[in-house]
Amino acid sequence: VFGKPFPWTFFIGRLKFEDMVLSKRKITEGIKSGEFSGEDDEKLATIISLKKRGYKPEAFQKFAEQRGLTDVDKVISQKDFFKLLDGFNE
């Protein structure tokens, strides 16, 4: 179009986590209702709580490399996610 090359585009599938509260709104509501003690509550999967639990950045990098990028959405349960992270965190 207009003598310009068409930009290269691609789709990367999403990674959906089951049984995990990741919504900022739901986390805030949970803190207000007393369900969570704060954003560093170990029941949450926030960066600060994962850091507090001892997970290293390298574990997340290894997880991402192992799962890979595809054009299909992937679903992983909380149990499987933390099982993999524990293995990569060594």
PDB file of N, CA and C in Angstrom:
ATOM      1  N   VAL A   1       0.847  -1.168   0.000  1.00  0.00           N
ATOM      2  CA  VAL A   1       0.000   0.000   0.000  1.00  0.00           C
ATOM      3  C   VAL A   1       0.896   1.235   0.000  1.00  0.00           C
ATOM      4  N   PHE A   2       0.627   2.170  -0.875  1.00  0.00           N
ATOM      5  CA  PHE A   2       1.361   3.425  -0.992  1.00  0.00           C
ATOM      6  C   PHE A   2       2.861   3.197  -1.206  1.00  0.00           C
ATOM      7  N   GLY A   3       3.229   2.073  -1.794  1.00  0.00           N
ATOM      8  CA  GLY A   3       4.627   1.780  -2.072  1.00  0.00           C
ATOM      9  C   GLY A   3       5.457   1.410  -0.850  1.00  0.00           C
ATOM     10  N   LYS A   4       4.812   1.194   0.264  1.00  0.00           N
ATOM     11  CA  LYS A   4       5.513   0.827   1.504  1.00  0.00           C
ATOM     12  C   LYS A   4       5.347  -0.675   1.740  1.00  0.00           C
ATOM     13  N   PRO A   5       6.382  -1.309   2.267  1.00  0.00           N
ATOM     14  CA  PRO A   5       6.239  -2.739   2.573  1.00  0.00           C
ATOM     15  C   PRO A   5       5.282  -2.931   3.749  1.00  0.00           C
ATOM     16  N   PHE A   6       4.523  -4.011   3.690  1.00  0.00           N
ATOM     17  CA  PHE A   6       3.590  -4.327   4.766  1.00  0.00           C
ATOM     18  C   PHE A   6       4.383  -4.812   5.979  1.00  0.00           C
ATOM     19  N   PRO A   7       4.101  -4.296   7.163  1.00  0.00           N
ATOM     20  CA  PRO A   7       4.862  -4.715   8.346  1.00  0.00           C
ATOM     21  C   PRO A   7       4.617  -6.191   8.660  1.00  0.00           C
ATOM     22  N   TRP A   8       5.660  -6.839   9.152  1.00  0.00           N
ATOM     23  CA  TRP A   8       5.567  -8.241   9.525  1.00  0.00           C
ATOM     24  C   TRP A   8       4.876  -8.329  10.881  1.00  0.00           C
ATOM     25  N   THR A   9       3.837  -9.113  10.971  1.00  0.00           N
ATOM     26  CA  THR A   9       3.114  -9.265  12.229  1.00  0.00           C
ATOM     27  C   THR A   9       2.998 -10.742  12.570  1.00  0.00           C
ATOM     28  N   PHE A  10       2.829 -11.013  13.831  1.00  0.00           N
ATOM     29  CA  PHE A  10       2.648 -12.395  14.268  1.00  0.00           C
ATOM     30  C   PHE A  10       1.856 -12.391  15.566  1.00  0.00           C
ATOM     31  N   PHE A  11       1.286 -13.547  15.899  1.00  0.00           N
ATOM     32  CA  PHE A  11       0.494 -13.697  17.106  1.00  0.00           C
ATOM     33  C   PHE A  11       1.235 -14.614  18.062  1.00  0.00           C
ATOM     34  N   ILE A  12       1.316 -14.224  19.307  1.00  0.00           N
ATOM     35  CA  ILE A  12       1.893 -15.071  20.345  1.00  0.00           C
ATOM     36  C   ILE A  12       0.771 -15.416  21.315  1.00  0.00           C
ATOM     37  N   GLY A  13       0.599 -16.704  21.551  1.00  0.00           N
ATOM     38  CA  GLY A  13      -0.444 -17.164  22.460  1.00  0.00           C
ATOM     39  C   GLY A  13      -0.201 -16.692  23.887  1.00  0.00           C
ATOM     40  N   ARG A  14      -1.277 -16.630  24.641  1.00  0.00           N
ATOM     41  CA  ARG A  14      -1.201 -16.190  26.034  1.00  0.00           C
ATOM     42  C   ARG A  14      -0.950 -17.377  26.948  1.00  0.00           C
ATOM     43  N   LEU A  15      -0.459 -17.098  28.128  1.00  0.00           N
ATOM     44  CA  LEU A  15      -0.281 -18.108  29.157  1.00  0.00           C
ATOM     45  C   LEU A  15      -1.301 -17.811  30.245  1.00  0.00           C
ATOM     46  N   LYS A  16      -2.232 -18.743  30.449  1.00  0.00           N
ATOM     47  CA  LYS A  16      -3.290 -18.541  31.438  1.00  0.00           C
ATOM     48  C   LYS A  16      -2.989 -19.391  32.665  1.00  0.00           C
ATOM     49  N   PHE A  17      -3.046 -18.762  33.823  1.00  0.00           N
ATOM     50  CA  PHE A  17      -2.798 -19.454  35.079  1.00  0.00           C
ATOM     51  C   PHE A  17      -4.139 -19.759  35.742  1.00  0.00           C
ATOM     52  N   GLU A  18      -4.372 -21.042  36.038  1.00  0.00           N
ATOM     53  CA  GLU A  18      -5.599 -21.433  36.732  1.00  0.00           C
ATOM     54  C   GLU A  18      -5.392 -21.309  38.239  1.00  0.00           C
ATOM     55  N   ASP A  19      -6.455 -21.069  38.949  1.00  0.00           N
ATOM     56  CA  ASP A  19      -6.451 -21.054  40.414  1.00  0.00           C
ATOM     57  C   ASP A  19      -5.532 -19.996  41.017  1.00  0.00           C
ATOM     58  N   MET A  20      -5.221 -18.942  40.276  1.00  0.00           N
ATOM     59  CA  MET A  20      -4.342 -17.895  40.800  1.00  0.00           C
ATOM     60  C   MET A  20      -5.019 -16.539  40.644  1.00  0.00           C
ATOM     61  N   VAL A  21      -4.971 -15.747  41.702  1.00  0.00           N
ATOM     62  CA  VAL A  21      -5.513 -14.392  41.649  1.00  0.00           C
ATOM     63  C   VAL A  21      -4.413 -13.493  41.098  1.00  0.00           C
ATOM     64  N   LEU A  22      -4.621 -12.968  39.890  1.00  0.00           N
ATOM     65  CA  LEU A  22      -3.631 -12.100  39.260  1.00  0.00           C
ATOM     66  C   LEU A  22      -4.172 -10.701  38.989  1.00  0.00           C
ATOM     67  N   SER A  23      -5.473 -10.529  39.129  1.00  0.00           N
ATOM     68  CA  SER A  23      -6.109  -9.246  38.866  1.00  0.00           C
ATOM     69  C   SER A  23      -5.820  -8.262  40.000  1.00  0.00           C
ATOM     70  N   LYS A  24      -5.322  -7.099  39.650  1.00  0.00           N
ATOM     71  CA  LYS A  24      -5.026  -6.067  40.652  1.00  0.00           C
ATOM     72  C   LYS A  24      -6.284  -5.701  41.433  1.00  0.00           C
ATOM     73  N   ARG A  25      -7.408  -5.618  40.732  1.00  0.00           N
ATOM     74  CA  ARG A  25      -8.671  -5.271  41.394  1.00  0.00           C
ATOM     75  C   ARG A  25      -9.048  -6.335  42.427  1.00  0.00           C
ATOM     76  N   LYS A  26      -8.922  -7.616  42.064  1.00  0.00           N
ATOM     77  CA  LYS A  26      -9.278  -8.693  42.994  1.00  0.00           C
ATOM     78  C   LYS A  26      -8.298  -8.769  44.163  1.00  0.00           C
ATOM     79  N   ILE A  27      -7.033  -8.485  43.902  1.00  0.00           N
ATOM     80  CA  ILE A  27      -6.044  -8.470  44.983  1.00  0.00           C
ATOM     81  C   ILE A  27      -6.372  -7.351  45.967  1.00  0.00           C
ATOM     82  N   THR A  28      -6.685  -6.158  45.448  1.00  0.00           N
ATOM     83  CA  THR A  28      -7.033  -5.019  46.303  1.00  0.00           C
ATOM     84  C   THR A  28      -8.282  -5.319  47.122  1.00  0.00           C
ATOM     85  N   GLU A  29      -9.299  -5.914  46.485  1.00  0.00           N
ATOM     86  CA  GLU A  29     -10.522  -6.278  47.210  1.00  0.00           C
ATOM     87  C   GLU A  29     -10.219  -7.300  48.300  1.00  0.00           C
ATOM     88  N   GLY A  30      -9.354  -8.276  47.997  1.00  0.00           N
ATOM     89  CA  GLY A  30      -8.980  -9.294  48.975  1.00  0.00           C
ATOM     90  C   GLY A  30      -8.226  -8.722  50.160  1.00  0.00           C
ATOM     91  N   ILE A  31      -7.402  -7.729  49.908  1.00  0.00           N
ATOM     92  CA  ILE A  31      -6.666  -7.075  50.996  1.00  0.00           C
ATOM     93  C   ILE A  31      -7.638  -6.293  51.878  1.00  0.00           C
ATOM     94  N   LYS A  32      -8.573  -5.565  51.242  1.00  0.00           N
ATOM     95  CA  LYS A  32      -9.555  -4.785  52.009  1.00  0.00           C
ATOM     96  C   LYS A  32     -10.463  -5.684  52.840  1.00  0.00           C
ATOM     97  N   SER A  33     -10.819  -6.865  52.310  1.00  0.00           N
ATOM     98  CA  SER A  33     -11.723  -7.769  53.026  1.00  0.00           C
ATOM     99  C   SER A  33     -10.991  -8.627  54.057  1.00  0.00           C
ATOM    100  N   GLY A  34      -9.659  -8.578  54.050  1.00  0.00           N
ATOM    101  CA  GLY A  34      -8.888  -9.353  55.011  1.00  0.00           C
ATOM    102  C   GLY A  34      -8.506 -10.744  54.524  1.00  0.00           C
ATOM    103  N   GLU A  35      -8.866 -11.073  53.292  1.00  0.00           N
ATOM    104  CA  GLU A  35      -8.507 -12.380  52.726  1.00  0.00           C
ATOM    105  C   GLU A  35      -6.990 -12.496  52.558  1.00  0.00           C
ATOM    106  N   PHE A  36      -6.344 -11.385  52.202  1.00  0.00           N
ATOM    107  CA  PHE A  36      -4.891 -11.325  52.050  1.00  0.00           C
ATOM    108  C   PHE A  36      -4.351 -10.272  53.010  1.00  0.00           C
ATOM    109  N   SER A  37      -3.151 -10.511  53.526  1.00  0.00           N
ATOM    110  CA  SER A  37      -2.563  -9.557  54.476  1.00  0.00           C
ATOM    111  C   SER A  37      -1.945  -8.352  53.778  1.00  0.00           C
ATOM    112  N   GLY A  38      -1.638  -8.482  52.509  1.00  0.00           N
ATOM    113  CA  GLY A  38      -1.040  -7.405  51.724  1.00  0.00           C
ATOM    114  C   GLY A  38      -0.570  -7.969  50.405  1.00  0.00           C
ATOM    115  N   GLU A  39       0.061  -7.127  49.596  1.00  0.00           N
ATOM    116  CA  GLU A  39       0.535  -7.597  48.297  1.00  0.00           C
ATOM    117  C   GLU A  39       1.663  -8.604  48.424  1.00  0.00           C
ATOM    118  N   ASP A  40       2.282  -8.684  49.602  1.00  0.00           N
ATOM    119  CA  ASP A  40       3.349  -9.659  49.806  1.00  0.00           C
ATOM    120  C   ASP A  40       2.846 -10.954  50.456  1.00  0.00           C
ATOM    121  N   ASP A  41       1.512 -11.117  50.533  1.00  0.00           N
ATOM    122  CA  ASP A  41       0.920 -12.336  51.078  1.00  0.00           C
ATOM    123  C   ASP A  41       1.354 -13.531  50.231  1.00  0.00           C
ATOM    124  N   GLU A  42       1.782 -14.606  50.878  1.00  0.00           N
ATOM    125  CA  GLU A  42       2.304 -15.766  50.160  1.00  0.00           C
ATOM    126  C   GLU A  42       1.238 -16.517  49.372  1.00  0.00           C
ATOM    127  N   LYS A  43      -0.041 -16.216  49.602  1.00  0.00           N
ATOM    128  CA  LYS A  43      -1.108 -16.840  48.811  1.00  0.00           C
ATOM    129  C   LYS A  43      -1.210 -16.219  47.422  1.00  0.00           C
ATOM    130  N   LEU A  44      -0.583 -15.067  47.243  1.00  0.00           N
ATOM    131  CA  LEU A  44      -0.638 -14.360  45.964  1.00  0.00           C
ATOM    132  C   LEU A  44       0.603 -14.657  45.130  1.00  0.00           C
ATOM    133  N   ALA A  45       0.480 -14.423  43.837  1.00  0.00           N
ATOM    134  CA  ALA A  45       1.610 -14.631  42.924  1.00  0.00           C
ATOM    135  C   ALA A  45       2.144 -13.287  42.437  1.00  0.00           C
ATOM    136  N   THR A  46       2.283 -12.337  43.355  1.00  0.00           N
ATOM    137  CA  THR A  46       2.854 -11.039  42.991  1.00  0.00           C
ATOM    138  C   THR A  46       4.377 -11.147  43.013  1.00  0.00           C
ATOM    139  N   ILE A  47       5.035 -10.227  42.336  1.00  0.00           N
ATOM    140  CA  ILE A  47       6.497 -10.239  42.285  1.00  0.00           C
ATOM    141  C   ILE A  47       7.085 -10.208  43.697  1.00  0.00           C
ATOM    142  N   ILE A  48       6.540  -9.342  44.540  1.00  0.00           N
ATOM    143  CA  ILE A  48       7.092  -9.200  45.889  1.00  0.00           C
ATOM    144  C   ILE A  48       6.887 -10.472  46.716  1.00  0.00           C
ATOM    145  N   SER A  49       5.741 -11.141  46.565  1.00  0.00           N
ATOM    146  CA  SER A  49       5.518 -12.362  47.345  1.00  0.00           C
ATOM    147  C   SER A  49       6.379 -13.510  46.822  1.00  0.00           C
ATOM    148  N   LEU A  50       6.573 -13.575  45.510  1.00  0.00           N
ATOM    149  CA  LEU A  50       7.423 -14.628  44.944  1.00  0.00           C
ATOM    150  C   LEU A  50       8.882 -14.412  45.350  1.00  0.00           C
ATOM    151  N   LYS A  51       9.296 -13.155  45.395  1.00  0.00           N
ATOM    152  CA  LYS A  51      10.657 -12.826  45.834  1.00  0.00           C
ATOM    153  C   LYS A  51      10.821 -13.191  47.310  1.00  0.00           C
ATOM    154  N   LYS A  52       9.787 -12.892  48.093  1.00  0.00           N
ATOM    155  CA  LYS A  52       9.795 -13.199  49.521  1.00  0.00           C
ATOM    156  C   LYS A  52       9.876 -14.713  49.756  1.00  0.00           C
ATOM    157  N   ARG A  53       9.289 -15.488  48.845  1.00  0.00           N
ATOM    158  CA  ARG A  53       9.317 -16.948  48.950  1.00  0.00           C
ATOM    159  C   ARG A  53      10.647 -17.537  48.483  1.00  0.00           C
ATOM    160  N   GLY A  54      11.524 -16.695  47.939  1.00  0.00           N
ATOM    161  CA  GLY A  54      12.858 -17.149  47.575  1.00  0.00           C
ATOM    162  C   GLY A  54      13.061 -17.509  46.115  1.00  0.00           C
ATOM    163  N   TYR A  55      12.092 -17.185  45.265  1.00  0.00           N
ATOM    164  CA  TYR A  55      12.253 -17.486  43.838  1.00  0.00           C
ATOM    165  C   TYR A  55      13.195 -16.478  43.196  1.00  0.00           C
ATOM    166  N   LYS A  56      14.103 -16.991  42.376  1.00  0.00           N
ATOM    167  CA  LYS A  56      15.087 -16.149  41.697  1.00  0.00           C
ATOM    168  C   LYS A  56      14.605 -15.816  40.287  1.00  0.00           C
ATOM    169  N   PRO A  57      15.020 -14.683  39.740  1.00  0.00           N
ATOM    170  CA  PRO A  57      14.619 -14.308  38.377  1.00  0.00           C
ATOM    171  C   PRO A  57      14.970 -15.371  37.338  1.00  0.00           C
ATOM    172  N   GLU A  58      16.063 -16.087  37.547  1.00  0.00           N
ATOM    173  CA  GLU A  58      16.488 -17.117  36.602  1.00  0.00           C
ATOM    174  C   GLU A  58      15.456 -18.233  36.484  1.00  0.00           C
ATOM    175  N   ALA A  59      14.742 -18.525  37.574  1.00  0.00           N
ATOM    176  CA  ALA A  59      13.722 -19.576  37.550  1.00  0.00           C
ATOM    177  C   ALA A  59      12.605 -19.208  36.574  1.00  0.00           C
ATOM    178  N   PHE A  60      12.221 -17.936  36.533  1.00  0.00           N
ATOM    179  CA  PHE A  60      11.167 -17.490  35.622  1.00  0.00           C
ATOM    180  C   PHE A  60      11.657 -17.509  34.180  1.00  0.00           C
ATOM    181  N   GLN A  61      12.921 -17.171  33.989  1.00  0.00           N
ATOM    182  CA  GLN A  61      13.497 -17.207  32.645  1.00  0.00           C
ATOM    183  C   GLN A  61      13.527 -18.643  32.132  1.00  0.00           C
ATOM    184  N   LYS A  62      13.932 -19.577  32.979  1.00  0.00           N
ATOM    185  CA  LYS A  62      13.963 -20.990  32.583  1.00  0.00           C
ATOM    186  C   LYS A  62      12.555 -21.507  32.313  1.00  0.00           C
ATOM    187  N   PHE A  63      11.583 -21.064  33.117  1.00  0.00           N
ATOM    188  CA  PHE A  63      10.193 -21.460  32.900  1.00  0.00           C
ATOM    189  C   PHE A  63       9.722 -20.987  31.530  1.00  0.00           C
ATOM    190  N   ALA A  64      10.007 -19.735  31.198  1.00  0.00           N
ATOM    191  CA  ALA A  64       9.587 -19.175  29.909  1.00  0.00           C
ATOM    192  C   ALA A  64      10.263 -19.906  28.753  1.00  0.00           C
ATOM    193  N   GLU A  65      11.535 -20.228  28.896  1.00  0.00           N
ATOM    194  CA  GLU A  65      12.247 -20.958  27.846  1.00  0.00           C
ATOM    195  C   GLU A  65      11.672 -22.359  27.670  1.00  0.00           C
ATOM    196  N   GLN A  66      11.332 -23.005  28.781  1.00  0.00           N
ATOM    197  CA  GLN A  66      10.804 -24.367  28.722  1.00  0.00           C
ATOM    198  C   GLN A  66       9.413 -24.403  28.094  1.00  0.00           C
ATOM    199  N   ARG A  67       8.572 -23.435  28.423  1.00  0.00           N
ATOM    200  CA  ARG A  67       7.213 -23.400  27.878  1.00  0.00           C
ATOM    201  C   ARG A  67       7.218 -22.968  26.419  1.00  0.00           C
ATOM    202  N   GLY A  68       8.127 -22.092  26.053  1.00  0.00           N
ATOM    203  CA  GLY A  68       8.265 -21.659  24.669  1.00  0.00           C
ATOM    204  C   GLY A  68       7.145 -20.743  24.197  1.00  0.00           C
ATOM    205  N   LEU A  69       7.375 -20.116  23.042  1.00  0.00           N
ATOM    206  CA  LEU A  69       6.386 -19.247  22.414  1.00  0.00           C
ATOM    207  C   LEU A  69       5.687 -20.025  21.310  1.00  0.00           C
ATOM    208  N   THR A  70       4.374 -19.983  21.316  1.00  0.00           N
ATOM    209  CA  THR A  70       3.589 -20.609  20.257  1.00  0.00           C
ATOM    210  C   THR A  70       2.441 -19.682  19.907  1.00  0.00           C
ATOM    211  N   ASP A  71       1.721 -20.024  18.860  1.00  0.00           N
ATOM    212  CA  ASP A  71       0.561 -19.213  18.497  1.00  0.00           C
ATOM    213  C   ASP A  71      -0.707 -19.722  19.173  1.00  0.00           C
ATOM    214  N   VAL A  72      -0.567 -20.703  20.059  1.00  0.00           N
ATOM    215  CA  VAL A  72      -1.702 -21.283  20.770  1.00  0.00           C
ATOM    216  C   VAL A  72      -1.634 -20.868  22.236  1.00  0.00           C
ATOM    217  N   ASP A  73      -2.782 -20.509  22.803  1.00  0.00           N
ATOM    218  CA  ASP A  73      -2.834 -20.181  24.225  1.00  0.00           C
ATOM    219  C   ASP A  73      -2.528 -21.431  25.047  1.00  0.00           C
ATOM    220  N   LYS A  74      -1.848 -21.253  26.180  1.00  0.00           N
ATOM    221  CA  LYS A  74      -1.509 -22.364  27.063  1.00  0.00           C
ATOM    222  C   LYS A  74      -2.123 -22.115  28.432  1.00  0.00           C
ATOM    223  N   VAL A  75      -2.497 -23.199  29.103  1.00  0.00           N
ATOM    224  CA  VAL A  75      -3.091 -23.110  30.433  1.00  0.00           C
ATOM    225  C   VAL A  75      -2.236 -23.949  31.376  1.00  0.00           C
ATOM    226  N   ILE A  76      -1.951 -23.403  32.549  1.00  0.00           N
ATOM    227  CA  ILE A  76      -1.179 -24.140  33.552  1.00  0.00           C
ATOM    228  C   ILE A  76      -1.809 -23.901  34.920  1.00  0.00           C
ATOM    229  N   SER A  77      -1.880 -24.960  35.710  1.00  0.00           N
ATOM    230  CA  SER A  77      -2.463 -24.831  37.049  1.00  0.00           C
ATOM    231  C   SER A  77      -1.429 -24.245  38.006  1.00  0.00           C
ATOM    232  N   GLN A  78      -1.914 -23.725  39.099  1.00  0.00           N
ATOM    233  CA  GLN A  78      -1.032 -23.148  40.112  1.00  0.00           C
ATOM    234  C   GLN A  78      -0.069 -24.213  40.631  1.00  0.00           C
ATOM    235  N   LYS A  79      -0.582 -25.412  40.861  1.00  0.00           N
ATOM    236  CA  LYS A  79       0.236 -26.511  41.374  1.00  0.00           C
ATOM    237  C   LYS A  79       1.381 -26.829  40.414  1.00  0.00           C
ATOM    238  N   ASP A  80       1.071 -26.970  39.123  1.00  0.00           N
ATOM    239  CA  ASP A  80       2.100 -27.287  38.126  1.00  0.00           C
ATOM    240  C   ASP A  80       3.093 -26.139  37.958  1.00  0.00           C
ATOM    241  N   PHE A  81       2.598 -24.905  38.003  1.00  0.00           N
ATOM    242  CA  PHE A  81       3.466 -23.737  37.864  1.00  0.00           C
ATOM    243  C   PHE A  81       4.522 -23.713  38.965  1.00  0.00           C
ATOM    244  N   PHE A  82       4.083 -23.874  40.212  1.00  0.00           N
ATOM    245  CA  PHE A  82       5.030 -23.820  41.322  1.00  0.00           C
ATOM    246  C   PHE A  82       5.925 -25.053  41.366  1.00  0.00           C
ATOM    247  N   LYS A  83       5.428 -26.184  40.907  1.00  0.00           N
ATOM    248  CA  LYS A  83       6.255 -27.393  40.819  1.00  0.00           C
ATOM    249  C   LYS A  83       7.413 -27.163  39.840  1.00  0.00           C
ATOM    250  N   LEU A  84       7.105 -26.579  38.683  1.00  0.00           N
ATOM    251  CA  LEU A  84       8.142 -26.266  37.701  1.00  0.00           C
ATOM    252  C   LEU A  84       9.106 -25.210  38.237  1.00  0.00           C
ATOM    253  N   LEU A  85       8.552 -24.162  38.851  1.00  0.00           N
ATOM    254  CA  LEU A  85       9.409 -23.100  39.398  1.00  0.00           C
ATOM    255  C   LEU A  85      10.356 -23.635  40.462  1.00  0.00           C
ATOM    256  N   ASP A  86       9.846 -24.523  41.312  1.00  0.00           N
ATOM    257  CA  ASP A  86      10.701 -25.103  42.350  1.00  0.00           C
ATOM    258  C   ASP A  86      11.867 -25.857  41.722  1.00  0.00           C
ATOM    259  N   GLY A  87      11.601 -26.579  40.641  1.00  0.00           N
ATOM    260  CA  GLY A  87      12.659 -27.303  39.948  1.00  0.00           C
ATOM    261  C   GLY A  87      13.679 -26.377  39.315  1.00  0.00           C
ATOM    262  N   PHE A  88      13.213 -25.261  38.763  1.00  0.00           N
ATOM    263  CA  PHE A  88      14.111 -24.309  38.109  1.00  0.00           C
ATOM    264  C   PHE A  88      14.844 -23.422  39.107  1.00  0.00           C
ATOM    265  N   ASN A  89      14.350 -23.334  40.324  1.00  0.00           N
ATOM    266  CA  ASN A  89      14.901 -22.414  41.323  1.00  0.00           C
ATOM    267  C   ASN A  89      16.134 -22.979  42.023  1.00  0.00           C
ATOM    268  N   GLU A  90      16.491 -24.207  41.722  1.00  0.00           N
ATOM    269  CA  GLU A  90      17.633 -24.840  42.402  1.00  0.00           C
ATOM    270  C   GLU A  90      18.950 -24.325  41.901  1.00  0.00           C
TER     271      GLU A  90
END
